[in-house]
Amino acid sequence: MASSIRVRATSNGDTTEVQALIQHPMDSGFVKDAKGAIIPPHFIQVLTFEYDGKPVFVADWGGGVSKDPYVKFAFKGGKKGDDLTVSWVDNKGATDTTTAKIQ
């Protein structure tokens, strides 16, 4: 199964810029379906980006984040060819992880 995470990391000098797109329904639990039934909450709770085994970005999310979230940030460090690991855990216990090479 393909990963739900698409990530791109580019190093420029001592700064690495990261962009990630995550496919997830991010249902808040406040929306009804076509039949009028409440769609149960289903959202990412923790999103983590790790470089060299250390977290460089951690987000604690709730139901207020939109579907298929996009994340962009930068951190000091990171070298071309090194790995950046991205993972998430949702409120139903599902997880996904991917690793990208810094370009």
C-alpha atoms as a PDB file:
ATOM      1  CA  MET A   1       0.000   0.000   0.000  1.00  0.00           C
ATOM      2  CA  ALA A   2       1.294   3.418  -0.901  1.00  0.00           C
ATOM      3  CA  SER A   3       2.084   5.850   1.868  1.00  0.00           C
ATOM      4  CA  SER A   4      -0.431   8.574   2.695  1.00  0.00           C
ATOM      5  CA  ILE A   5       2.489  10.997   3.105  1.00  0.00           C
ATOM      6  CA  ARG A   6       4.229  12.870   0.311  1.00  0.00           C
ATOM      7  CA  VAL A   7       7.223  14.823   1.496  1.00  0.00           C
ATOM      8  CA  ARG A   8       9.888  16.983  -0.118  1.00  0.00           C
ATOM      9  CA  ALA A   9      12.890  18.305   1.762  1.00  0.00           C
ATOM     10  CA  THR A  10      15.511  20.597   0.237  1.00  0.00           C
ATOM     11  CA  SER A  11      18.706  21.806   1.867  1.00  0.00           C
ATOM     12  CA  ASN A  12      20.003  25.302   1.129  1.00  0.00           C
ATOM     13  CA  GLY A  13      23.054  26.223   3.164  1.00  0.00           C
ATOM     14  CA  ASP A  14      22.355  25.457   6.812  1.00  0.00           C
ATOM     15  CA  THR A  15      18.564  25.455   6.444  1.00  0.00           C
ATOM     16  CA  THR A  16      16.344  22.616   5.265  1.00  0.00           C
ATOM     17  CA  GLU A  17      12.864  23.428   3.978  1.00  0.00           C
ATOM     18  CA  VAL A  18      10.248  20.702   4.296  1.00  0.00           C
ATOM     19  CA  GLN A  19       6.888  20.444   2.543  1.00  0.00           C
ATOM     20  CA  ALA A  20       4.496  17.564   3.206  1.00  0.00           C
ATOM     21  CA  LEU A  21       1.030  16.617   2.003  1.00  0.00           C
ATOM     22  CA  ILE A  22      -0.848  13.990   3.977  1.00  0.00           C
ATOM     23  CA  GLN A  23      -3.938  12.190   2.719  1.00  0.00           C
ATOM     24  CA  HIS A  24      -6.323  11.791   5.642  1.00  0.00           C
ATOM     25  CA  PRO A  25     -10.090  12.468   6.054  1.00  0.00           C
ATOM     26  CA  MET A  26      -9.561  14.626   9.191  1.00  0.00           C
ATOM     27  CA  ASP A  27     -13.244  14.268  10.183  1.00  0.00           C
ATOM     28  CA  SER A  28     -14.043  16.534  13.122  1.00  0.00           C
ATOM     29  CA  GLY A  29     -17.075  14.626  14.397  1.00  0.00           C
ATOM     30  CA  PHE A  30     -19.346  17.643  13.818  1.00  0.00           C
ATOM     31  CA  VAL A  31     -20.290  16.933  10.192  1.00  0.00           C
ATOM     32  CA  LYS A  32     -23.240  14.895   8.952  1.00  0.00           C
ATOM     33  CA  ASP A  33     -23.278  12.599   5.950  1.00  0.00           C
ATOM     34  CA  ALA A  34     -25.879  12.677   3.132  1.00  0.00           C
ATOM     35  CA  LYS A  35     -28.320  10.656   5.290  1.00  0.00           C
ATOM     36  CA  GLY A  36     -28.013  13.065   8.228  1.00  0.00           C
ATOM     37  CA  ALA A  37     -25.903  10.780  10.426  1.00  0.00           C
ATOM     38  CA  ILE A  38     -22.918  12.233  12.254  1.00  0.00           C
ATOM     39  CA  ILE A  39     -19.580  11.204  10.744  1.00  0.00           C
ATOM     40  CA  PRO A  40     -17.471   9.979  13.696  1.00  0.00           C
ATOM     41  CA  PRO A  41     -14.269  11.888  14.481  1.00  0.00           C
ATOM     42  CA  HIS A  42     -11.242  10.586  12.623  1.00  0.00           C
ATOM     43  CA  PHE A  43      -8.195  12.826  12.658  1.00  0.00           C
ATOM     44  CA  ILE A  44      -4.420  12.811  13.032  1.00  0.00           C
ATOM     45  CA  GLN A  45      -3.414  13.419  16.642  1.00  0.00           C
ATOM     46  CA  VAL A  46       0.372  13.519  16.415  1.00  0.00           C
ATOM     47  CA  LEU A  47       2.527  14.348  13.395  1.00  0.00           C
ATOM     48  CA  THR A  48       6.300  13.997  13.764  1.00  0.00           C
ATOM     49  CA  PHE A  49       9.237  14.836  11.500  1.00  0.00           C
ATOM     50  CA  GLU A  50      12.592  13.386  12.594  1.00  0.00           C
ATOM     51  CA  TYR A  51      16.066  14.123  11.348  1.00  0.00           C
ATOM     52  CA  ASP A  52      19.061  12.150  12.584  1.00  0.00           C
ATOM     53  CA  GLY A  53      16.804  10.367  15.114  1.00  0.00           C
ATOM     54  CA  LYS A  54      15.658  13.618  16.728  1.00  0.00           C
ATOM     55  CA  PRO A  55      12.310  15.368  16.270  1.00  0.00           C
ATOM     56  CA  VAL A  56      12.574  18.635  14.336  1.00  0.00           C
ATOM     57  CA  PHE A  57       8.826  19.272  14.136  1.00  0.00           C
ATOM     58  CA  VAL A  58       5.992  17.800  16.216  1.00  0.00           C
ATOM     59  CA  ALA A  59       2.340  18.789  15.865  1.00  0.00           C
ATOM     60  CA  ASP A  60      -0.478  17.818  18.249  1.00  0.00           C
ATOM     61  CA  TRP A  61      -3.626  18.131  16.189  1.00  0.00           C
ATOM     62  CA  GLY A  62      -7.353  17.865  16.806  1.00  0.00           C
ATOM     63  CA  GLY A  63     -10.463  17.820  14.668  1.00  0.00           C
ATOM     64  CA  GLY A  64     -10.009  21.418  13.509  1.00  0.00           C
ATOM     65  CA  VAL A  65      -7.424  20.621  10.840  1.00  0.00           C
ATOM     66  CA  SER A  66      -8.755  20.355   7.300  1.00  0.00           C
ATOM     67  CA  LYS A  67      -8.822  17.249   5.109  1.00  0.00           C
ATOM     68  CA  ASP A  68      -5.526  16.257   3.459  1.00  0.00           C
ATOM     69  CA  PRO A  69      -3.378  18.670   5.477  1.00  0.00           C
ATOM     70  CA  TYR A  70      -0.352  20.452   4.027  1.00  0.00           C
ATOM     71  CA  VAL A  71       2.617  21.292   6.247  1.00  0.00           C
ATOM     72  CA  LYS A  72       5.581  23.519   5.452  1.00  0.00           C
ATOM     73  CA  PHE A  73       8.406  24.449   7.794  1.00  0.00           C
ATOM     74  CA  ALA A  74      12.193  24.847   7.918  1.00  0.00           C
ATOM     75  CA  PHE A  75      14.835  23.742  10.380  1.00  0.00           C
ATOM     76  CA  LYS A  76      18.528  24.374  10.896  1.00  0.00           C
ATOM     77  CA  GLY A  77      20.710  21.500   9.804  1.00  0.00           C
ATOM     78  CA  GLY A  78      20.080  18.688   7.395  1.00  0.00           C
ATOM     79  CA  LYS A  79      22.414  17.647   4.637  1.00  0.00           C
ATOM     80  CA  LYS A  80      21.700  16.583   1.099  1.00  0.00           C
ATOM     81  CA  GLY A  81      21.336  12.803   0.929  1.00  0.00           C
ATOM     82  CA  ASP A  82      20.329  12.395   4.591  1.00  0.00           C
ATOM     83  CA  ASP A  83      17.004  10.861   5.595  1.00  0.00           C
ATOM     84  CA  LEU A  84      14.007  12.705   7.021  1.00  0.00           C
ATOM     85  CA  THR A  85      11.355  10.485   8.620  1.00  0.00           C
ATOM     86  CA  VAL A  86       7.721  11.548   8.804  1.00  0.00           C
ATOM     87  CA  SER A  87       5.068   9.717  10.823  1.00  0.00           C
ATOM     88  CA  TRP A  88       1.564  10.249  12.136  1.00  0.00           C
ATOM     89  CA  VAL A  89      -0.832   8.564  14.557  1.00  0.00           C
ATOM     90  CA  ASP A  90      -4.576   9.177  14.388  1.00  0.00           C
ATOM     91  CA  ASN A  91      -7.321   8.953  17.014  1.00  0.00           C
ATOM     92  CA  LYS A  92      -8.280   5.442  15.826  1.00  0.00           C
ATOM     93  CA  GLY A  93      -4.748   4.107  16.314  1.00  0.00           C
ATOM     94  CA  ALA A  94      -3.819   4.031  12.624  1.00  0.00           C
ATOM     95  CA  THR A  95      -0.294   5.087  11.721  1.00  0.00           C
ATOM     96  CA  ASP A  96       1.816   5.794   8.684  1.00  0.00           C
ATOM     97  CA  THR A  97       5.509   6.478   8.246  1.00  0.00           C
ATOM     98  CA  THR A  98       7.674   7.424   5.311  1.00  0.00           C
ATOM     99  CA  THR A  99      11.271   8.447   4.793  1.00  0.00           C
ATOM    100  CA  ALA A 100      12.511  10.986   2.274  1.00  0.00           C
ATOM    101  CA  LYS A 101      16.004  11.929   1.168  1.00  0.00           C
ATOM    102  CA  ILE A 102      16.927  15.551   1.643  1.00  0.00           C
ATOM    103  CA  GLN A 103      17.741  17.052  -1.745  1.00  0.00           C
END
